[in-house]
């Protein structure tokens, strides 16, 4: 009888352990899916116009610490391709991606940590870098305005300009350094210098021939590929052979708020608020002789706005931003005329004013 009881207890113990492991793996699988939805949702929200060009933002990974258990994203560069150990941050996908240290693991592989609840590599990375990724993708969103300006100059030659940036092969150790670099090179002045440089004339004159090669079948339109409603998500393929997860697009135009997970909704709302206040460089211009409806203008009260009506010397402006400056780490009102008299960086807050000012109180300006 004792033997039978012992055997029954062992059976129950093994069954409980088995159910516990299955439950734990199910939790990790759910967490991994949320991670992928969040990460890809950020990239979709940014709607980076760089996705329209044959370039990638490649991220590489290393580990540190005595036990080599802390993973770092510490190599970033603009490139023409990504390998199996890199992630394209413009359109992040973890399918068949490997993390090697020196043994290789899939990013969606279940890794047990110190006999506690485990996680996938992708989940662990996102938890550590969530806020930095918030900042990075909000900066990508703001870069779209700069890219629009360059496209208005010459969209075709912008492809050649981006290729020249890729050729520089610069690598950065942080997302902040990378975005600072992109903000520096994606300016009208730098683009115009590129167009005016005789050394670039060859690439500019035969770009029509090269463009078809650049946009060859080897280059996939990443945005359409990643966010297509028919695109099958294999991120979870290692969990089970019958786990068939159709990837959900997180583009706001694709579905209403009710279809978004509550956690994602709160997350995107936070990102919206985060983007409202961002550092921008204001390029001062001389007072324009002629101001037209639709122009962006600055006032000597340090507001930015769009001209909506002109009546003689009276100009009505729909003001959308107010400039501030940092003084010894404190945010303060910029002195009157700061936007006109200074070229340093400002911080802007969103405002909504519709004011009429005399033309002498306004000057043309651009946000770079």
Protein backbone atom coordinates (compact mmCIF):
# COMPACT_ATOMS: atom_id res chain seq x y z
CA UNK A 1 0.00 0.00 0.00
CA UNK A 2 2.83 2.37 0.89
CA UNK A 3 4.44 1.59 -2.47
CA UNK A 4 1.21 2.45 -4.32
CA UNK A 5 0.79 5.70 -2.36
CA UNK A 6 4.38 6.69 -3.09
CA UNK A 7 3.93 5.93 -6.78
CA UNK A 8 0.68 7.95 -6.88
CA UNK A 9 2.30 10.93 -5.14
CA UNK A 10 5.21 10.86 -7.59
CA UNK A 11 2.77 10.78 -10.49
CA UNK A 12 0.81 13.75 -9.10
CA UNK A 13 4.04 15.68 -8.47
CA UNK A 14 5.29 15.09 -12.00
CA UNK A 15 1.90 16.10 -13.43
CA UNK A 16 1.86 19.34 -11.40
CA UNK A 17 5.40 20.20 -12.47
CA UNK A 18 4.49 19.54 -16.08
CA UNK A 19 1.39 21.73 -15.88
CA UNK A 20 3.43 24.44 -14.15
CA UNK A 21 6.01 24.45 -16.94
CA UNK A 22 3.28 24.59 -19.58
CA UNK A 23 1.63 27.52 -17.80
CA UNK A 24 4.95 29.32 -17.45
CA UNK A 25 5.74 28.86 -21.14
CA UNK A 26 2.27 30.09 -22.08
CA UNK A 27 2.86 33.26 -20.05
CA UNK A 28 6.23 33.81 -21.72
CA UNK A 29 4.68 33.27 -25.15
CA UNK A 30 2.01 35.90 -24.40
CA UNK A 31 4.66 38.32 -23.14
CA UNK A 32 6.72 37.73 -26.29
CA UNK A 33 3.73 38.50 -28.53
CA UNK A 34 3.00 41.72 -26.61
CA UNK A 35 6.66 42.67 -26.98
CA UNK A 36 6.57 42.17 -30.75
CA UNK A 37 3.28 44.09 -31.05
CA UNK A 38 4.70 46.97 -29.03
CA UNK A 39 8.03 47.16 -30.83
CA UNK A 40 6.52 46.91 -34.29
CA UNK A 41 3.70 49.24 -33.22
CA UNK A 42 6.26 51.92 -32.36
CA UNK A 43 7.93 51.57 -35.76
CA UNK A 44 4.54 51.75 -37.47
CA UNK A 45 3.53 54.80 -35.47
CA UNK A 46 6.73 56.64 -36.45
CA UNK A 47 5.87 56.08 -40.15
CA UNK A 48 9.48 56.83 -40.98
CA UNK A 49 9.89 58.10 -44.53
CA UNK A 50 13.27 56.35 -44.57
CA UNK A 51 11.21 53.21 -45.19
CA UNK A 52 10.57 54.55 -48.68
CA UNK A 53 14.27 54.30 -49.51
CA UNK A 54 16.66 51.33 -49.77
CA UNK A 55 18.22 51.92 -46.36
CA UNK A 56 18.02 50.21 -42.99
CA UNK A 57 18.89 51.22 -39.45
CA UNK A 58 20.77 48.16 -38.26
CA UNK A 59 21.09 47.39 -34.55
CA UNK A 60 23.66 44.93 -33.20
CA UNK A 61 23.81 43.26 -29.79
CA UNK A 62 26.38 42.31 -27.16
CA UNK A 63 26.38 41.24 -23.49
CA UNK A 64 28.16 42.52 -20.43
CA UNK A 65 28.53 41.76 -16.73
CA UNK A 66 30.43 39.14 -14.75
CA UNK A 67 27.95 36.45 -15.69
CA UNK A 68 27.47 37.92 -19.19
CA UNK A 69 23.71 37.99 -18.68
CA UNK A 70 22.89 41.63 -19.48
CA UNK A 71 22.19 42.16 -23.17
CA UNK A 72 22.95 45.49 -24.79
CA UNK A 73 21.90 47.14 -28.04
CA UNK A 74 25.07 49.10 -28.64
CA UNK A 75 25.91 49.32 -32.34
CA UNK A 76 23.74 51.35 -34.70
CA UNK A 77 24.29 52.36 -38.30
CA UNK A 78 22.52 53.37 -41.49
CA UNK A 79 23.15 50.59 -43.98
CA UNK A 80 21.96 48.87 -47.18
CA UNK A 81 21.42 45.50 -45.55
CA UNK A 82 21.04 43.69 -42.24
CA UNK A 83 22.40 40.26 -41.40
CA UNK A 84 20.91 37.47 -39.31
CA UNK A 85 22.32 38.89 -36.06
CA UNK A 86 21.01 42.43 -36.65
CA UNK A 87 17.55 43.98 -36.38
CA UNK A 88 16.28 46.68 -38.74
CA UNK A 89 14.79 49.26 -36.38
CA UNK A 90 12.80 50.88 -39.20
CA UNK A 91 10.76 47.69 -39.67
CA UNK A 92 11.71 45.36 -36.81
CA UNK A 93 11.23 41.65 -37.41
CA UNK A 94 12.66 38.87 -35.28
CA UNK A 95 11.91 35.96 -37.57
CA UNK A 96 14.99 33.69 -37.82
CA UNK A 97 17.13 36.33 -36.08
CA UNK A 98 19.96 35.08 -33.87
CA UNK A 99 21.73 36.38 -30.77
CA UNK A 100 25.22 34.88 -30.45
CA UNK A 101 27.26 34.97 -27.26
CA UNK A 102 29.19 32.95 -28.49
CA UNK A 103 26.49 30.24 -28.66
CA UNK A 104 23.57 31.33 -30.81
CA UNK A 105 19.92 31.55 -29.76
CA UNK A 106 16.84 32.71 -31.62
CA UNK A 107 15.34 35.98 -30.44
CA UNK A 108 12.04 34.21 -29.86
CA UNK A 109 13.65 31.31 -28.00
CA UNK A 110 12.56 30.56 -24.45
CA UNK A 111 15.49 31.23 -22.07
CA UNK A 112 15.25 30.28 -18.39
CA UNK A 113 16.81 32.85 -16.08
CA UNK A 114 18.29 31.67 -12.77
CA UNK A 115 15.67 28.93 -12.40
CA UNK A 116 13.01 31.64 -12.26
CA UNK A 117 10.41 32.63 -14.80
CA UNK A 118 12.14 32.87 -18.15
CA UNK A 119 11.62 35.14 -21.14
CA UNK A 120 12.56 35.41 -24.77
CA UNK A 121 15.60 37.43 -25.75
CA UNK A 122 13.36 39.93 -27.55
CA UNK A 123 11.26 40.44 -24.41
CA UNK A 124 14.28 40.96 -22.19
CA UNK A 125 15.75 43.53 -24.60
CA UNK A 126 12.51 45.46 -24.92
CA UNK A 127 11.98 45.63 -21.15
CA UNK A 128 15.49 47.12 -20.73
CA UNK A 129 15.19 49.57 -23.63
CA UNK A 130 11.50 50.47 -23.66
CA UNK A 131 11.88 54.16 -22.81
CA UNK A 132 14.92 54.64 -25.07
CA UNK A 133 12.93 53.12 -27.92
CA UNK A 134 10.09 55.54 -27.13
CA UNK A 135 12.53 58.41 -27.55
CA UNK A 136 14.13 56.97 -30.67
CA UNK A 137 10.88 56.40 -32.56
CA UNK A 138 9.53 59.81 -31.58
CA UNK A 139 12.70 61.31 -33.07
CA UNK A 140 12.15 59.26 -36.24
CA UNK A 141 8.65 60.71 -36.38
CA UNK A 142 10.04 64.25 -36.17
CA UNK A 143 12.64 63.47 -38.84
CA UNK A 144 9.82 63.01 -41.36
CA UNK A 145 9.42 66.79 -41.61
CA UNK A 146 13.07 67.15 -42.53
CA UNK A 147 12.86 64.40 -45.12
CA UNK A 148 9.77 66.07 -46.61
CA UNK A 149 11.78 69.27 -47.08
CA UNK A 150 14.57 67.38 -48.84
CA UNK A 151 12.08 65.56 -51.06
CA UNK A 152 10.64 68.91 -52.10
CA UNK A 153 14.11 69.94 -53.29
CA UNK A 154 14.73 66.76 -55.28
CA UNK A 155 13.27 63.42 -54.26
CA UNK A 156 15.22 61.46 -56.88
CA UNK A 157 18.60 62.80 -55.76
CA UNK A 158 17.70 62.23 -52.12
CA UNK A 159 18.20 58.52 -52.82
CA UNK A 160 21.78 59.24 -53.92
CA UNK A 161 22.33 61.42 -50.86
CA UNK A 162 21.19 58.67 -48.52
CA UNK A 163 23.51 56.25 -50.30
CA UNK A 164 26.40 58.63 -49.67
CA UNK A 165 25.52 58.65 -45.96
CA UNK A 166 25.47 54.85 -45.97
CA UNK A 167 28.87 54.81 -47.69
CA UNK A 168 30.34 56.77 -44.78
CA UNK A 169 29.72 53.60 -42.73
CA UNK A 170 29.49 55.45 -39.43
CA UNK A 171 28.57 53.39 -36.36
CA UNK A 172 27.17 54.73 -33.10
CA UNK A 173 27.06 53.30 -29.60
CA UNK A 174 23.74 54.80 -28.57
CA UNK A 175 20.38 55.70 -30.08
CA UNK A 176 20.90 59.31 -28.96
CA UNK A 177 24.15 59.53 -30.94
CA UNK A 178 22.49 58.02 -34.00
CA UNK A 179 19.52 60.40 -33.96
CA UNK A 180 21.83 63.38 -33.40
CA UNK A 181 23.77 62.30 -36.50
CA UNK A 182 20.60 61.89 -38.59
CA UNK A 183 19.34 65.30 -37.45
CA UNK A 184 22.65 66.78 -38.52
CA UNK A 185 22.92 65.23 -42.00
CA UNK A 186 19.24 65.43 -42.98
CA UNK A 187 19.19 69.22 -43.26
CA UNK A 188 18.65 71.48 -46.25
CA UNK A 189 22.14 72.95 -45.98
CA UNK A 190 23.86 69.55 -46.01
CA UNK A 191 21.68 68.32 -48.89
CA UNK A 192 22.31 71.45 -50.96
CA UNK A 193 26.07 71.12 -50.34
CA UNK A 194 25.86 67.56 -51.62
CA UNK A 195 24.01 68.66 -54.76
CA UNK A 196 26.50 71.46 -55.39
CA UNK A 197 29.63 69.31 -54.94
CA UNK A 198 31.22 68.51 -58.34
CA UNK A 199 32.45 65.19 -56.95
CA UNK A 200 28.83 64.04 -56.82
CA UNK A 201 27.99 65.05 -60.39
CA UNK A 202 28.60 61.58 -61.80
CA UNK A 203 26.20 59.94 -59.38
CA UNK A 204 23.66 62.67 -59.98
CA UNK A 205 23.77 62.53 -63.79
CA UNK A 206 23.43 58.77 -64.10
CA UNK A 207 21.13 58.20 -61.14
CA UNK A 208 18.28 57.37 -63.55
CA UNK A 209 20.25 54.30 -64.62
CA UNK A 210 21.31 53.37 -61.11
CA UNK A 211 17.93 53.94 -59.53
CA UNK A 212 16.47 50.77 -61.04
CA UNK A 213 19.37 48.79 -59.57
CA UNK A 214 18.92 50.40 -56.17
CA UNK A 215 15.26 49.50 -56.24
CA UNK A 216 15.94 45.99 -57.51
CA UNK A 217 13.83 42.98 -56.58
CA UNK A 218 16.35 42.21 -53.86
CA UNK A 219 15.15 45.27 -51.97
CA UNK A 220 11.74 44.66 -50.46
CA UNK A 221 9.41 47.52 -49.74
CA UNK A 222 9.79 47.00 -46.03
CA UNK A 223 6.76 48.98 -44.95
CA UNK A 224 4.35 47.10 -47.20
CA UNK A 225 5.97 43.75 -46.41
CA UNK A 226 5.92 44.13 -42.64
CA UNK A 227 2.49 45.72 -42.28
CA UNK A 228 0.56 43.87 -44.98
CA UNK A 229 -2.66 42.30 -43.70
CA UNK A 230 -1.63 39.07 -45.43
CA UNK A 231 1.79 38.93 -43.84
CA UNK A 232 2.09 35.83 -41.66
CA UNK A 233 3.93 36.29 -38.41
CA UNK A 234 6.37 33.51 -37.62
CA UNK A 235 7.81 35.23 -34.56
CA UNK A 236 6.38 32.51 -32.34
CA UNK A 237 7.22 29.57 -34.59
CA UNK A 238 9.55 28.02 -32.01
CA UNK A 239 6.79 27.66 -29.45
CA UNK A 240 4.81 24.98 -31.24
CA UNK A 241 4.31 23.72 -34.76
CA UNK A 242 0.56 24.38 -34.70
CA UNK A 243 0.79 27.93 -33.34
CA UNK A 244 -0.43 30.00 -36.29
CA UNK A 245 -0.28 33.70 -35.39
CA UNK A 246 -1.46 36.16 -38.00
CA UNK A 247 0.41 39.38 -37.43
CA UNK A 248 -1.83 42.32 -36.62
CA UNK A 249 -1.03 45.67 -38.15
CA UNK A 250 -0.95 48.50 -35.62
CA UNK A 251 -1.35 51.34 -38.11
CA UNK A 252 -3.98 53.71 -36.78
CA UNK A 253 -5.60 53.95 -40.21
CA UNK A 254 -6.19 50.20 -40.38
CA UNK A 255 -8.63 49.78 -37.50
CA UNK A 256 -10.47 51.61 -34.77
CA UNK A 257 -9.36 52.08 -31.20
CA UNK A 258 -11.67 49.32 -30.00
CA UNK A 259 -9.59 46.72 -31.82
CA UNK A 260 -6.34 47.75 -30.18
CA UNK A 261 -5.22 46.05 -26.94
CA UNK A 262 -5.82 48.35 -23.99
CA UNK A 263 -2.14 48.28 -23.06
CA UNK A 264 -1.13 49.36 -26.58
CA UNK A 265 -3.73 52.14 -26.53
CA UNK A 266 -2.37 53.63 -23.31
CA UNK A 267 1.14 53.24 -24.67
CA UNK A 268 0.44 55.10 -27.94
CA UNK A 269 -1.38 57.86 -26.02
CA UNK A 270 1.77 58.33 -23.95
CA UNK A 271 3.85 58.53 -27.12
CA UNK A 272 1.51 61.17 -28.56
CA UNK A 273 2.03 63.33 -25.48
CA UNK A 274 5.76 62.67 -25.54
CA UNK A 275 6.10 63.98 -29.10
CA UNK A 276 4.25 67.22 -28.38
CA UNK A 277 7.34 68.62 -26.68
CA UNK A 278 10.53 68.02 -28.63
CA UNK A 279 13.75 69.86 -29.26
CA UNK A 280 13.95 71.39 -32.71
CA UNK A 281 16.54 73.53 -34.39
CA UNK A 282 15.27 76.85 -35.70
CA UNK A 283 17.13 78.22 -38.69
CA UNK A 284 17.01 81.99 -38.60
CA UNK A 285 16.26 83.86 -41.83
CA UNK A 286 16.37 87.51 -42.59
CA UNK A 287 13.04 89.33 -42.42
CA UNK A 288 11.23 88.40 -45.63
CA UNK A 289 10.22 91.18 -47.99
CA UNK A 290 7.10 89.26 -48.91
CA UNK A 291 5.16 86.97 -46.61
CA UNK A 292 2.52 84.81 -48.25
CA UNK A 293 -0.39 82.72 -47.02
CA UNK A 294 0.89 79.28 -46.00
CA UNK A 295 4.33 80.52 -44.98
CA UNK A 296 5.82 79.53 -41.63
CA UNK A 297 6.68 82.63 -39.62
CA UNK A 298 8.18 83.44 -36.24
CA UNK A 299 7.30 86.35 -34.00
CA UNK A 300 9.52 88.40 -31.75
CA UNK A 301 7.46 86.90 -28.91
CA UNK A 302 9.06 83.55 -29.88
CA UNK A 303 5.99 81.88 -31.34
CA UNK A 304 5.84 79.86 -34.55
CA UNK A 305 2.84 79.67 -36.80
CA UNK A 306 1.34 79.47 -40.27
CA UNK A 307 0.06 82.53 -42.13
CA UNK A 308 -3.68 82.13 -42.77
CA UNK A 309 -4.68 85.66 -43.86
CA UNK A 310 -3.08 88.93 -45.00
CA UNK A 311 -4.79 92.31 -44.99
CA UNK A 312 -2.40 95.10 -45.87
CA UNK A 313 0.32 95.09 -43.21
CA UNK A 314 -1.81 93.04 -40.82
CA UNK A 315 -1.02 89.31 -40.92
CA UNK A 316 -3.12 86.66 -39.21
CA UNK A 317 -1.13 83.70 -37.97
CA UNK A 318 -2.30 80.33 -36.66
CA UNK A 319 0.35 79.88 -33.97
CA UNK A 320 1.24 76.28 -33.06
CA UNK A 321 4.43 76.45 -30.96
CA UNK A 322 6.12 78.57 -28.29
CA UNK A 323 9.91 78.57 -27.78
CA UNK A 324 11.60 77.96 -24.43
CA UNK A 325 15.25 77.78 -23.41
CA UNK A 326 17.18 75.89 -20.75
CA UNK A 327 19.09 78.01 -18.23
CA UNK A 328 21.25 76.07 -15.76
CA UNK A 329 19.04 73.04 -16.24
CA UNK A 330 15.78 74.97 -15.75
CA UNK A 331 13.22 75.55 -18.48
CA UNK A 332 12.54 79.28 -18.89
CA UNK A 333 10.73 81.64 -21.24
CA UNK A 334 12.99 82.68 -24.07
CA UNK A 335 13.66 86.44 -24.13
CA UNK A 336 11.78 88.41 -26.77
CA UNK A 337 13.48 88.15 -30.14
CA UNK A 338 15.44 85.03 -29.22
CA UNK A 339 14.33 83.17 -32.32
CA UNK A 340 15.58 86.01 -34.49
CA UNK A 341 18.77 86.89 -32.66
CA UNK A 342 20.07 83.47 -31.65
CA UNK A 343 20.82 80.21 -33.44
CA UNK A 344 20.97 77.90 -30.42
CA UNK A 345 18.57 75.00 -29.83
CA UNK A 346 15.18 75.66 -28.34
CA UNK A 347 12.51 73.52 -26.75
CA UNK A 348 8.99 74.00 -28.06
CA UNK A 349 5.60 73.43 -26.48
CA UNK A 350 2.44 73.10 -28.49
CA UNK A 351 0.00 76.05 -28.41
CA UNK A 352 -3.16 77.00 -30.29
CA UNK A 353 -3.51 80.72 -30.94
CA UNK A 354 -4.94 82.70 -33.84
CA UNK A 355 -3.46 86.22 -33.67
CA UNK A 356 -3.15 89.15 -36.05
CA UNK A 357 0.18 91.01 -35.93
CA UNK A 358 1.80 93.82 -37.87
CA UNK A 359 4.18 92.53 -40.54
CA UNK A 360 7.11 94.25 -38.79
CA UNK A 361 6.56 91.93 -35.82
CA UNK A 362 7.05 88.78 -37.91
CA UNK A 363 9.85 87.19 -39.91
CA UNK A 364 10.12 84.09 -42.07
CA UNK A 365 11.71 81.07 -40.42
CA UNK A 366 12.05 77.34 -40.89
CA UNK A 367 12.05 74.41 -38.49
CA UNK A 368 14.91 72.06 -39.33
